[in-house]
N, C-alpha and C. Protein backbone atom coordinates (compact mmCIF):
# COMPACT_ATOMS: atom_id res chain seq x y z
N MET A 1 -3.56 21.66 15.53
CA MET A 1 -3.07 21.64 14.16
C MET A 1 -1.91 20.12 14.29
N SER A 2 -3.54 19.11 13.92
CA SER A 2 -3.70 17.54 13.67
C SER A 2 -2.88 17.29 11.87
N ALA A 3 -2.29 16.14 12.01
CA ALA A 3 -2.18 15.55 10.64
C ALA A 3 -2.47 14.64 10.41
N VAL A 4 -3.06 14.53 9.30
CA VAL A 4 -3.12 12.80 8.25
C VAL A 4 -1.96 12.35 7.68
N LEU A 5 -1.46 10.94 7.77
CA LEU A 5 -0.06 10.58 7.07
C LEU A 5 -0.97 9.33 6.41
N ALA A 6 -0.88 9.56 5.35
CA ALA A 6 -1.06 8.39 4.25
C ALA A 6 0.68 7.49 4.04
N ILE A 7 0.65 6.15 3.93
CA ILE A 7 2.00 5.15 4.00
C ILE A 7 1.71 4.44 2.67
N ASP A 8 2.17 4.26 1.47
CA ASP A 8 2.31 3.23 0.48
C ASP A 8 3.45 2.26 0.63
N THR A 9 3.81 0.67 1.09
CA THR A 9 4.73 0.49 0.71
C THR A 9 4.55 -0.76 -0.32
N ALA A 10 3.53 -0.48 -0.97
CA ALA A 10 3.48 -1.93 -2.32
C ALA A 10 4.42 -1.74 -3.32
N SER A 11 5.18 -1.18 -3.46
CA SER A 11 6.36 -1.09 -4.37
C SER A 11 7.80 -1.31 -4.20
N PRO A 12 8.71 -1.06 -4.97
CA PRO A 12 9.82 -0.95 -4.49
C PRO A 12 10.45 0.04 -3.61
N ARG A 13 9.74 1.31 -4.19
CA ARG A 13 9.80 2.87 -4.01
C ARG A 13 8.70 2.78 -2.65
N PHE A 14 8.87 3.26 -1.39
CA PHE A 14 7.53 3.56 -0.88
C PHE A 14 7.39 4.84 -1.08
N ALA A 15 6.65 5.33 -0.79
CA ALA A 15 5.56 6.58 -0.56
C ALA A 15 5.13 7.48 0.61
N LEU A 16 4.96 8.64 1.35
CA LEU A 16 4.70 8.96 2.33
C LEU A 16 3.66 10.10 1.61
N ALA A 17 2.35 10.70 2.38
CA ALA A 17 2.35 11.73 1.83
C ALA A 17 1.23 12.40 3.45
N LEU A 18 1.57 13.25 3.57
CA LEU A 18 1.39 14.12 5.20
C LEU A 18 0.23 15.11 4.58
N ALA A 19 -0.63 15.30 5.36
CA ALA A 19 -1.50 16.67 5.56
C ALA A 19 -1.74 17.40 6.55
N ARG A 20 -1.28 18.92 6.62
CA ARG A 20 -1.36 19.46 8.14
C ARG A 20 -2.34 20.19 8.16
N GLU A 21 -3.07 20.79 9.47
CA GLU A 21 -4.01 21.77 9.58
C GLU A 21 -3.37 23.10 9.55
N ASP A 22 -2.10 23.02 9.60
CA ASP A 22 -1.42 24.39 9.80
C ASP A 22 -0.61 24.79 8.96
N VAL A 23 -0.74 24.29 7.64
CA VAL A 23 -0.12 24.92 6.04
C VAL A 23 -1.38 25.12 5.28
N ALA A 24 -0.95 26.07 4.30
CA ALA A 24 -1.70 26.15 3.53
C ALA A 24 -2.56 25.09 2.18
N GLU A 25 -0.88 24.27 1.70
CA GLU A 25 -0.73 23.47 0.94
C GLU A 25 -1.64 21.96 1.57
N PRO A 26 -2.49 21.83 0.75
CA PRO A 26 -3.17 20.34 1.21
C PRO A 26 -1.98 19.26 1.04
N PHE A 27 -0.87 19.01 0.69
CA PHE A 27 -0.28 17.95 0.93
C PHE A 27 1.18 18.83 1.29
N ALA A 28 1.55 18.79 2.49
CA ALA A 28 2.46 19.35 3.28
C ALA A 28 3.82 18.78 2.73
N ALA A 29 4.21 17.56 3.03
CA ALA A 29 5.20 17.14 2.54
C ALA A 29 4.78 15.40 2.45
N VAL A 30 5.91 15.46 1.08
CA VAL A 30 5.68 13.93 0.20
C VAL A 30 6.70 13.34 0.32
N ALA A 31 7.13 12.50 0.22
CA ALA A 31 8.30 11.17 -0.01
C ALA A 31 8.08 10.39 -0.44
N ALA A 32 9.02 9.71 -2.17
CA ALA A 32 8.81 8.63 -2.57
C ALA A 32 10.58 8.17 -3.01
N GLU A 33 10.82 7.03 -1.84
CA GLU A 33 12.09 6.62 -1.69
C GLU A 33 11.79 5.11 -1.80
N PRO A 34 13.44 4.72 -2.02
CA PRO A 34 13.61 2.87 -1.89
C PRO A 34 13.03 2.60 -0.71
N PHE A 35 12.70 1.19 -0.79
CA PHE A 35 12.11 1.04 0.78
C PHE A 35 13.20 0.01 1.39
N GLY A 36 13.09 0.17 2.92
CA GLY A 36 13.71 -0.21 3.67
C GLY A 36 13.13 0.17 4.73
N HIS A 37 13.03 -0.52 6.22
CA HIS A 37 11.84 -0.62 7.11
C HIS A 37 12.39 0.58 8.20
N ALA A 38 13.82 0.62 8.06
CA ALA A 38 14.85 1.97 8.45
C ALA A 38 14.41 2.61 7.91
N ALA A 39 14.22 2.98 6.83
CA ALA A 39 14.29 4.18 5.85
C ALA A 39 12.95 4.59 6.09
N LEU A 40 12.21 3.39 5.71
CA LEU A 40 10.64 4.39 6.08
C LEU A 40 10.63 4.89 7.54
N LEU A 41 10.94 4.20 8.83
CA LEU A 41 10.87 5.11 9.99
C LEU A 41 10.99 6.71 10.47
N ALA A 42 12.28 6.07 9.42
CA ALA A 42 13.63 7.29 9.81
C ALA A 42 12.72 8.74 8.94
N ALA A 43 11.68 8.05 7.55
CA ALA A 43 11.00 9.51 6.52
C ALA A 43 9.64 10.08 8.03
N ILE A 44 8.93 9.04 7.84
CA ILE A 44 7.96 9.19 8.75
C ILE A 44 8.22 10.21 9.74
N GLY A 45 9.28 9.91 10.52
CA GLY A 45 9.99 10.63 11.96
C GLY A 45 10.11 11.85 11.32
N GLU A 46 10.89 11.81 10.00
CA GLU A 46 11.20 13.25 9.81
C GLU A 46 10.45 14.32 9.21
N ARG A 47 9.21 13.90 8.76
CA ARG A 47 8.10 14.48 8.15
C ARG A 47 7.07 14.63 9.21
N LEU A 48 6.82 13.91 10.38
CA LEU A 48 5.70 13.81 11.25
C LEU A 48 6.58 15.25 11.97
N ARG A 49 7.76 14.92 12.40
CA ARG A 49 8.35 16.32 13.41
C ARG A 49 7.55 16.39 14.99
N GLY A 50 7.08 15.24 15.41
CA GLY A 50 6.40 15.51 16.34
C GLY A 50 4.65 16.15 16.21
N ALA A 51 4.32 16.31 14.91
CA ALA A 51 2.82 16.83 15.06
C ALA A 51 1.75 15.76 15.37
N PRO A 52 0.88 16.20 15.89
CA PRO A 52 -0.08 15.49 16.77
C PRO A 52 -0.83 14.76 15.21
N LEU A 53 -1.03 13.49 15.65
CA LEU A 53 -1.53 12.72 14.74
C LEU A 53 -3.13 12.45 14.37
N GLU A 54 -3.98 13.12 13.80
CA GLU A 54 -5.44 12.48 13.29
C GLU A 54 -5.84 10.92 13.02
N ALA A 55 -4.62 10.78 11.77
CA ALA A 55 -5.27 9.07 11.95
C ALA A 55 -3.91 8.87 10.66
N VAL A 56 -3.68 7.79 10.55
CA VAL A 56 -2.71 7.35 9.75
C VAL A 56 -3.53 6.47 8.48
N VAL A 57 -3.36 6.39 7.63
CA VAL A 57 -3.75 6.00 6.51
C VAL A 57 -3.17 4.75 5.50
N ALA A 58 -2.93 3.89 5.10
CA ALA A 58 -1.98 2.38 4.48
C ALA A 58 -2.93 1.67 2.89
N VAL A 59 -2.10 2.09 2.40
CA VAL A 59 -2.63 1.14 1.15
C VAL A 59 -1.80 -0.88 1.26
N CYS A 60 -2.89 -1.37 1.21
CA CYS A 60 -2.82 -2.49 1.75
C CYS A 60 -2.24 -3.48 1.10
N GLY A 61 -2.31 -3.32 -0.27
CA GLY A 61 -1.81 -4.20 -1.35
C GLY A 61 -3.11 -4.86 -2.30
N PRO A 62 -2.71 -5.36 -3.63
CA PRO A 62 -1.57 -6.20 -3.66
C PRO A 62 -0.12 -5.44 -3.56
N GLY A 63 0.77 -5.95 -3.41
CA GLY A 63 2.45 -5.38 -3.23
C GLY A 63 3.03 -6.56 -3.12
N ALA A 64 4.45 -6.44 -2.91
CA ALA A 64 5.71 -7.26 -2.13
C ALA A 64 5.36 -7.57 -1.10
N TYR A 65 5.57 -8.53 -0.10
CA TYR A 65 5.37 -9.46 0.76
C TYR A 65 5.63 -8.22 1.93
N SER A 66 7.63 -8.18 1.80
CA SER A 66 7.82 -7.61 2.63
C SER A 66 7.36 -6.59 3.23
N GLY A 67 7.16 -5.49 2.15
CA GLY A 67 7.16 -4.26 1.93
C GLY A 67 5.48 -3.94 2.68
N LEU A 68 5.09 -4.70 2.24
CA LEU A 68 3.40 -4.98 2.80
C LEU A 68 3.47 -4.94 4.54
N ARG A 69 4.15 -6.22 4.77
CA ARG A 69 4.30 -6.52 6.33
C ARG A 69 4.54 -5.41 6.77
N ALA A 70 5.91 -4.89 6.49
CA ALA A 70 6.68 -3.52 7.29
C ALA A 70 5.52 -2.12 7.13
N GLY A 71 4.86 -1.76 5.88
CA GLY A 71 4.53 -0.66 6.13
C GLY A 71 2.90 -0.72 6.58
N LEU A 72 2.14 -1.53 6.47
CA LEU A 72 1.32 -2.52 7.68
C LEU A 72 1.57 -2.21 9.38
N ALA A 73 2.65 -2.82 9.83
CA ALA A 73 3.27 -2.74 11.04
C ALA A 73 3.59 -1.36 11.18
N ALA A 74 4.22 -0.22 10.69
CA ALA A 74 4.35 0.59 10.50
C ALA A 74 3.19 1.40 11.25
N ALA A 75 2.01 1.28 10.20
CA ALA A 75 0.84 2.14 10.27
C ALA A 75 0.57 1.77 11.54
N GLN A 76 0.22 0.67 11.66
CA GLN A 76 -0.57 0.17 13.24
C GLN A 76 0.15 0.78 14.07
N GLY A 77 1.35 0.52 14.66
CA GLY A 77 2.14 0.65 15.91
C GLY A 77 1.78 2.29 15.72
N LEU A 78 2.03 3.14 14.81
CA LEU A 78 2.31 4.63 15.03
C LEU A 78 0.43 4.86 15.12
N ALA A 79 -0.16 4.40 15.00
CA ALA A 79 -1.63 4.82 15.26
C ALA A 79 -2.17 4.12 17.15
N LEU A 80 -1.22 3.12 17.17
CA LEU A 80 -1.99 2.77 18.82
C LEU A 80 -1.05 3.45 19.24
N ALA A 81 0.53 4.16 19.22
CA ALA A 81 1.34 4.95 20.25
C ALA A 81 0.65 6.12 20.46
N ARG A 82 0.28 6.79 19.20
CA ARG A 82 0.22 7.59 19.05
C ARG A 82 -1.66 7.71 19.56
N GLY A 83 -2.62 7.05 19.25
CA GLY A 83 -3.85 7.12 19.87
C GLY A 83 -4.49 7.83 19.18
N CYS A 84 -4.55 7.31 17.49
CA CYS A 84 -5.24 7.93 16.38
C CYS A 84 -5.80 7.08 15.65
N ALA A 85 -7.07 8.00 14.19
CA ALA A 85 -7.38 6.77 13.85
C ALA A 85 -6.71 5.96 12.90
N LEU A 86 -6.62 4.54 12.52
CA LEU A 86 -6.47 3.72 11.75
C LEU A 86 -7.28 3.32 10.37
N ALA A 87 -6.77 3.81 8.83
CA ALA A 87 -7.65 3.16 8.10
C ALA A 87 -7.18 2.65 6.93
N GLY A 88 -7.43 2.12 5.66
CA GLY A 88 -6.56 1.37 4.82
C GLY A 88 -7.28 1.24 3.68
N LEU A 89 -6.56 0.80 2.77
CA LEU A 89 -7.71 0.77 1.45
C LEU A 89 -6.97 -0.12 0.27
N SER A 90 -7.07 -1.20 -0.61
CA SER A 90 -6.26 -1.67 -1.55
C SER A 90 -5.24 -0.87 -2.61
N THR A 91 -4.27 -1.57 -2.91
CA THR A 91 -3.62 -0.94 -4.35
C THR A 91 -4.39 0.08 -5.28
N LEU A 92 -5.13 -1.31 -5.46
CA LEU A 92 -5.82 -0.85 -6.59
C LEU A 92 -7.36 0.21 -6.31
N GLU A 93 -7.52 0.38 -5.12
CA GLU A 93 -8.46 1.27 -4.80
C GLU A 93 -7.71 2.88 -5.09
N ALA A 94 -6.28 2.72 -4.77
CA ALA A 94 -5.42 3.55 -4.24
C ALA A 94 -5.69 4.39 -5.94
N VAL A 95 -5.06 3.60 -7.13
CA VAL A 95 -4.89 3.27 -8.16
C VAL A 95 -6.08 4.29 -8.74
N ALA A 96 -7.75 3.76 -8.46
CA ALA A 96 -8.74 4.23 -8.94
C ALA A 96 -8.77 5.47 -8.47
N ALA A 97 -8.66 5.54 -7.17
CA ALA A 97 -8.54 7.22 -6.63
C ALA A 97 -7.97 8.25 -7.83
N ALA A 98 -6.75 7.83 -7.70
CA ALA A 98 -5.68 8.70 -8.32
C ALA A 98 -5.66 8.79 -9.82
N HIS A 99 -6.36 8.23 -10.37
CA HIS A 99 -6.91 8.52 -11.76
C HIS A 99 -8.21 8.20 -11.73
N PRO A 100 -8.88 9.10 -11.80
CA PRO A 100 -10.90 9.27 -11.52
C PRO A 100 -11.20 8.81 -13.31
N SER A 101 -12.14 8.07 -13.53
CA SER A 101 -12.80 8.23 -14.78
C SER A 101 -13.61 7.14 -14.01
N PRO A 102 -14.86 7.83 -15.38
CA PRO A 102 -16.04 6.54 -15.22
C PRO A 102 -16.01 4.93 -15.34
N ALA A 103 -14.69 4.64 -16.28
CA ALA A 103 -14.69 3.21 -15.72
C ALA A 103 -13.01 2.60 -15.98
N LEU A 104 -12.19 2.31 -15.57
CA LEU A 104 -11.18 1.73 -15.72
C LEU A 104 -10.90 0.39 -15.27
N THR A 105 -9.37 0.36 -15.22
CA THR A 105 -9.14 -1.52 -15.45
C THR A 105 -7.60 -0.66 -14.51
N ALA A 106 -7.57 -1.03 -13.11
CA ALA A 106 -6.54 -0.60 -12.08
C ALA A 106 -5.56 -1.75 -12.22
N ILE A 107 -4.36 -1.86 -12.40
CA ILE A 107 -3.15 -3.23 -12.39
C ILE A 107 -2.09 -2.60 -11.25
N HIS A 108 -1.36 -3.67 -10.95
CA HIS A 108 -0.29 -4.02 -10.27
C HIS A 108 0.29 -5.15 -10.21
N PRO A 109 1.93 -5.25 -10.52
CA PRO A 109 2.45 -5.72 -10.80
C PRO A 109 2.23 -6.77 -9.76
N ALA A 110 1.88 -8.59 -10.00
CA ALA A 110 2.08 -9.38 -8.99
C ALA A 110 3.36 -10.44 -9.13
N GLY A 111 4.15 -10.28 -9.69
CA GLY A 111 5.31 -11.26 -10.05
C GLY A 111 5.32 -12.13 -11.48
N ARG A 112 5.85 -12.96 -11.58
CA ARG A 112 5.87 -14.54 -12.63
C ARG A 112 5.12 -13.28 -13.89
N GLY A 113 5.86 -12.24 -14.51
CA GLY A 113 5.35 -11.74 -15.11
C GLY A 113 3.59 -11.31 -15.33
N GLN A 114 2.87 -11.30 -14.62
CA GLN A 114 1.27 -10.65 -14.53
C GLN A 114 0.76 -9.97 -13.57
N PHE A 115 -0.03 -9.53 -13.68
CA PHE A 115 -0.57 -8.11 -12.86
C PHE A 115 -1.78 -8.84 -12.32
N ALA A 116 -1.85 -7.94 -11.11
CA ALA A 116 -3.14 -7.48 -10.14
C ALA A 116 -3.91 -6.66 -10.88
N VAL A 117 -5.68 -6.77 -11.20
CA VAL A 117 -6.21 -6.68 -12.02
C VAL A 117 -7.28 -6.29 -11.53
N GLN A 118 -8.42 -5.57 -11.50
CA GLN A 118 -9.60 -5.23 -11.40
C GLN A 118 -10.39 -3.89 -11.77
N ARG A 119 -11.26 -4.37 -12.29
CA ARG A 119 -12.37 -3.12 -12.91
C ARG A 119 -13.16 -2.30 -11.49
N PHE A 120 -12.62 -1.28 -12.32
CA PHE A 120 -13.46 -0.10 -11.18
C PHE A 120 -14.58 0.70 -12.40
N ARG A 121 -15.57 1.16 -11.47
CA ARG A 121 -16.25 2.28 -12.27
C ARG A 121 -16.30 3.51 -11.16
N GLY A 122 -15.61 4.51 -11.73
CA GLY A 122 -15.51 5.87 -10.58
C GLY A 122 -14.28 4.91 -9.63
N PRO A 123 -14.93 4.89 -8.23
CA PRO A 123 -13.79 5.08 -7.20
C PRO A 123 -14.26 3.73 -6.48
N ASN A 124 -15.42 2.63 -7.57
CA ASN A 124 -16.16 1.66 -6.47
C ASN A 124 -15.66 -0.09 -7.66
N PRO A 125 -15.38 -0.98 -6.75
CA PRO A 125 -14.91 -2.07 -7.76
C PRO A 125 -15.96 -2.68 -8.71
N ASP A 126 -15.35 -2.58 -9.54
CA ASP A 126 -17.06 -3.44 -10.49
C ASP A 126 -16.38 -4.88 -10.76
N GLY A 127 -16.06 -5.79 -9.97
CA GLY A 127 -16.12 -7.00 -9.90
C GLY A 127 -14.54 -7.35 -9.19
N PRO A 128 -14.43 -8.67 -9.02
CA PRO A 128 -13.40 -8.97 -8.11
C PRO A 128 -12.06 -8.68 -8.85
N MET A 129 -10.63 -8.94 -7.27
CA MET A 129 -9.42 -9.14 -8.31
C MET A 129 -9.36 -10.29 -9.05
N ARG A 130 -8.43 -10.69 -10.05
CA ARG A 130 -7.49 -11.29 -10.00
C ARG A 130 -6.43 -11.05 -11.27
N LEU A 131 -5.88 -12.53 -11.21
CA LEU A 131 -4.20 -12.47 -12.21
C LEU A 131 -4.25 -12.15 -13.51
N ALA A 132 -3.42 -11.52 -14.35
CA ALA A 132 -3.57 -11.63 -15.78
C ALA A 132 -2.11 -11.56 -16.06
N ALA A 133 -2.12 -11.65 -17.43
CA ALA A 133 -0.83 -11.83 -18.49
C ALA A 133 -1.26 -10.52 -19.19
N PRO A 134 0.01 -9.34 -19.78
CA PRO A 134 -0.06 -8.49 -20.07
C PRO A 134 -0.93 -8.38 -21.01
N ASP A 135 -0.70 -9.72 -22.21
CA ASP A 135 -1.62 -9.87 -23.55
C ASP A 135 -2.95 -10.42 -23.12
N GLU A 136 -3.26 -10.70 -21.73
CA GLU A 136 -4.84 -10.92 -21.49
C GLU A 136 -5.71 -8.99 -21.36
N LEU A 137 -4.89 -8.21 -21.07
CA LEU A 137 -5.39 -7.23 -20.98
C LEU A 137 -5.69 -6.09 -22.53
N ALA A 138 -5.27 -6.97 -23.63
CA ALA A 138 -5.75 -6.12 -24.55
C ALA A 138 -7.13 -5.30 -24.59
N ASP A 139 -7.80 -6.02 -24.31
CA ASP A 139 -9.45 -5.19 -24.52
C ASP A 139 -9.92 -5.18 -23.13
N GLU A 140 -9.10 -4.66 -22.37
CA GLU A 140 -9.54 -4.42 -20.83
C GLU A 140 -9.35 -2.62 -20.88
N ALA A 141 -10.79 -2.09 -20.16
CA ALA A 141 -11.25 -0.79 -20.15
C ALA A 141 -9.75 0.04 -19.70
N PRO A 142 -10.12 1.55 -20.21
CA PRO A 142 -8.54 1.84 -19.64
C PRO A 142 -7.53 1.39 -18.87
N LEU A 143 -6.45 1.23 -18.62
CA LEU A 143 -5.68 0.78 -17.93
C LEU A 143 -5.00 1.96 -17.01
N ALA A 144 -4.59 1.85 -15.68
CA ALA A 144 -4.07 2.53 -14.77
C ALA A 144 -3.43 1.61 -13.81
N GLY A 145 -2.23 1.83 -13.50
CA GLY A 145 -1.49 1.33 -12.23
C GLY A 145 -0.05 1.93 -13.17
N GLU A 146 0.74 0.91 -11.69
CA GLU A 146 2.18 0.83 -11.52
C GLU A 146 2.47 -0.09 -12.73
N GLY A 147 3.27 0.31 -14.39
CA GLY A 147 3.34 -0.66 -15.61
C GLY A 147 2.39 -0.26 -16.69
N ALA A 148 0.91 0.27 -16.02
CA ALA A 148 0.71 0.50 -17.27
C ALA A 148 1.04 1.35 -18.16
N GLY A 149 2.08 2.10 -18.22
CA GLY A 149 2.42 2.90 -19.03
C GLY A 149 3.15 2.66 -20.26
N GLU A 150 3.19 0.86 -19.81
CA GLU A 150 4.19 0.82 -21.09
C GLU A 150 2.96 -0.52 -21.94
N LEU A 151 1.80 -0.14 -21.51
CA LEU A 151 0.59 -1.37 -21.95
C LEU A 151 0.06 -0.09 -22.69
N GLY A 152 0.19 1.08 -22.75
CA GLY A 152 -0.56 2.08 -23.57
C GLY A 152 -1.41 2.80 -22.44
N GLY A 153 -1.35 2.38 -21.24
CA GLY A 153 -2.32 2.94 -20.11
C GLY A 153 -1.70 4.27 -19.27
N VAL A 154 -2.14 4.67 -18.33
CA VAL A 154 -2.15 6.02 -17.52
C VAL A 154 -0.69 5.05 -16.19
N GLU A 155 0.21 5.32 -16.13
CA GLU A 155 0.89 5.19 -15.01
C GLU A 155 0.62 6.00 -13.87
N VAL A 156 0.54 5.47 -12.94
CA VAL A 156 0.20 5.66 -11.33
C VAL A 156 1.15 5.33 -10.69
N ALA A 157 2.12 6.53 -9.61
CA ALA A 157 3.43 5.83 -9.23
C ALA A 157 3.00 5.80 -7.69
N PRO A 158 3.69 5.41 -6.97
CA PRO A 158 3.69 5.09 -5.16
C PRO A 158 2.64 6.30 -4.72
N LEU A 159 3.59 7.61 -4.87
CA LEU A 159 3.26 8.97 -4.41
C LEU A 159 1.83 9.37 -4.72
N GLU A 160 1.63 8.85 -5.97
CA GLU A 160 -0.13 9.23 -6.43
C GLU A 160 -0.70 8.56 -5.87
N ARG A 161 -0.78 7.12 -5.41
CA ARG A 161 -1.34 6.51 -4.43
C ARG A 161 -1.68 7.03 -3.34
N ALA A 162 -0.43 7.37 -2.40
CA ALA A 162 -0.39 7.82 -1.41
C ALA A 162 -1.15 9.06 -1.41
N ARG A 163 -1.11 10.17 -1.69
CA ARG A 163 -1.80 11.15 -2.30
C ARG A 163 -3.01 10.78 -2.27
N ALA A 164 -3.51 10.10 -3.19
CA ALA A 164 -5.31 9.56 -3.17
C ALA A 164 -5.34 9.18 -1.92
N ALA A 165 -5.02 8.00 -1.21
CA ALA A 165 -5.43 7.73 -0.23
C ALA A 165 -5.57 8.33 0.95
N LEU A 166 -4.90 9.94 0.96
CA LEU A 166 -4.67 10.44 1.93
C LEU A 166 -5.99 11.66 1.77
N ALA A 167 -6.38 11.62 0.34
CA ALA A 167 -7.46 12.37 0.22
C ALA A 167 -8.89 11.69 0.17
N ARG A 168 -8.78 10.72 -0.03
CA ARG A 168 -10.15 9.49 0.42
C ARG A 168 -10.10 9.67 1.66
N TYR A 169 -9.21 9.36 2.69
CA TYR A 169 -9.57 9.87 4.20
C TYR A 169 -10.39 10.96 4.69
N ARG A 170 -9.71 11.78 4.33
CA ARG A 170 -10.12 13.65 4.41
C ARG A 170 -11.65 13.59 3.82
N ALA A 171 -11.55 13.39 2.29
CA ALA A 171 -12.94 13.75 1.42
C ALA A 171 -14.06 12.42 3.21
N GLY A 172 -13.90 11.94 3.88
CA GLY A 172 -14.42 10.49 4.57
C GLY A 172 -15.49 9.64 3.68
N ALA A 173 -14.10 9.03 2.93
CA ALA A 173 -14.82 7.83 2.15
C ALA A 173 -14.13 6.90 2.61
N LEU A 174 -13.40 6.85 3.96
CA LEU A 174 -12.62 5.94 4.61
C LEU A 174 -12.84 5.25 5.86
N ALA A 175 -13.13 4.51 6.45
CA ALA A 175 -14.37 4.48 7.82
C ALA A 175 -12.65 3.73 8.50
N PRO A 176 -12.36 4.17 9.76
CA PRO A 176 -11.48 3.84 10.42
C PRO A 176 -11.89 2.48 10.80
N VAL A 177 -10.84 1.72 11.37
CA VAL A 177 -10.63 0.04 11.48
C VAL A 177 -9.57 -0.08 12.49
N ALA A 178 -9.61 -1.61 13.50
CA ALA A 178 -9.33 -1.95 14.49
C ALA A 178 -7.67 -2.11 14.00
N GLY A 179 -7.85 -2.71 12.72
CA GLY A 179 -6.59 -3.54 12.58
C GLY A 179 -7.30 -3.90 10.71
N LEU A 180 -5.33 -3.64 10.20
CA LEU A 180 -5.20 -3.33 8.67
C LEU A 180 -4.88 -5.31 8.49
N THR A 181 -5.20 -5.40 7.50
CA THR A 181 -4.78 -7.09 7.02
C THR A 181 -3.85 -6.65 5.62
N ALA A 182 -2.75 -7.40 5.29
CA ALA A 182 -2.59 -7.12 3.81
C ALA A 182 -3.26 -7.99 2.90
N ILE A 183 -3.08 -7.18 1.63
CA ILE A 183 -3.92 -7.84 0.38
C ILE A 183 -2.94 -8.80 -0.68
N TYR A 184 -3.02 -9.88 -0.67
CA TYR A 184 -2.25 -10.70 -1.50
C TYR A 184 -2.51 -11.44 -3.21
N ALA A 185 -1.99 -10.85 -4.45
CA ALA A 185 -2.64 -11.01 -5.41
C ALA A 185 -2.33 -12.87 -5.28
N ARG A 186 -1.80 -13.11 -4.55
CA ARG A 186 -1.44 -15.02 -4.54
C ARG A 186 -0.40 -15.30 -3.02
N GLU A 187 -1.25 -16.43 -2.73
CA GLU A 187 0.11 -16.41 -1.66
C GLU A 187 1.26 -16.38 -1.75
N PRO A 188 1.63 -15.65 -0.35
CA PRO A 188 3.51 -15.44 -0.35
C PRO A 188 3.93 -17.22 -0.14
N ALA A 189 4.99 -16.29 -0.75
CA ALA A 189 6.27 -17.76 -1.37
C ALA A 189 6.88 -18.20 -0.01
N VAL A 190 6.15 -18.27 1.09
CA VAL A 190 7.12 -18.19 2.44
C VAL A 190 6.79 -19.42 3.12
N THR A 191 7.74 -20.39 3.22
CA THR A 191 7.75 -21.90 3.49
C THR A 191 8.35 -22.04 5.19
N PRO A 192 7.42 -22.88 5.51
CA PRO A 192 8.44 -22.88 7.55
C PRO A 192 9.77 -23.57 7.34
N PRO A 193 10.08 -22.91 8.30
CA PRO A 193 11.98 -23.87 8.71
C PRO A 193 12.03 -25.27 8.61
N ARG A 194 13.10 -25.67 7.60
CA ARG A 194 13.05 -27.32 7.90
C ARG A 194 13.05 -27.50 8.84
N ARG A 195 14.62 -27.21 10.04
CA ARG A 195 14.43 -27.25 11.20
C ARG A 195 13.78 -26.56 12.09
N PRO A 196 13.09 -27.61 13.50
CA PRO A 196 12.45 -26.91 14.17
C PRO A 196 13.23 -25.81 15.10
N PHE A 197 13.00 -24.55 15.26
CA PHE A 197 13.65 -24.16 16.65
C PHE A 197 13.06 -24.24 18.04
N GLY A 198 13.84 -23.81 18.57
CA GLY A 198 13.39 -24.53 19.97
C GLY A 198 14.64 -24.09 21.03
N PRO A 199 14.71 -24.84 21.95
CA PRO A 199 16.19 -24.55 22.71
C PRO A 199 17.88 -24.72 22.12
N ALA A 200 18.57 -24.37 22.42
CA ALA A 200 20.02 -24.08 21.77
C ALA A 200 19.91 -25.61 21.76
N GLY A 201 21.05 -25.79 20.53
CA GLY A 201 21.15 -27.36 20.09
C GLY A 201 20.34 -28.00 19.77
N ALA A 202 18.61 -27.45 19.67
CA ALA A 202 17.76 -28.41 19.21
C ALA A 202 18.27 -28.55 17.83
N GLN A 203 18.39 -27.31 16.69
CA GLN A 203 18.57 -27.61 15.93
C GLN A 203 19.65 -28.50 15.21
N ARG A 204 20.42 -28.83 15.87
CA ARG A 204 21.24 -29.55 15.46
C ARG A 204 21.03 -31.05 16.05
N SER A 205 20.60 -31.34 16.76
CA SER A 205 19.60 -32.84 17.67
C SER A 205 18.46 -33.22 16.52
N ALA A 206 17.75 -32.59 16.25
CA ALA A 206 16.54 -32.98 15.49
C ALA A 206 17.08 -33.31 14.19
N PRO A 207 16.48 -34.31 13.39
CA PRO A 207 16.09 -34.66 12.01
C PRO A 207 15.38 -34.25 10.93
N ALA A 208 16.60 -33.83 10.36
CA ALA A 208 16.12 -33.44 9.07
C ALA A 208 15.38 -33.70 8.56
N ARG A 209 14.27 -32.79 7.88
CA ARG A 209 12.85 -33.45 7.23
C ARG A 209 12.56 -33.05 6.04
């Protein structure tokens, strides 16, 4: 009665999709909730309820920096603790899997009024990921993804991405990996501390930079 869990934390609302062999419904337990590390771990524990895990699948980005880091850490920690397989796919791949089409352009908000954008033919990328403003997407193939609804495309929510990631793994389309790496549309806006960390009092005695 093993289970496969998919985790998507690429958006302000995280989503989980769980498939268990002991139930007829292939997506037995799903959730989409406001993001928070504690809420994510609590939701995972509530839905697993001690069920043995076959695999954990994570949506790896692009997406929010803190959300992706927390989601990938949870997926990798869970796979290590349970001794199960680990797999991942990009947010845009999950969008393409959730909205099958001969050709589409998958998008996801990237901040600063831009989207991460990638063209797909079926489930396969048809070019690299790039950044684009909404007015640069008018001539693109049919749009799908978070925010696409306002641009005349198909809105794809986190829960749909999580379910698509789960389905991709169960179909044998995702190979297990040793570790996951977050995918960012641009460099994270994280800077070093202005004063070095060290023994007690070091921050007070070190000169400012």
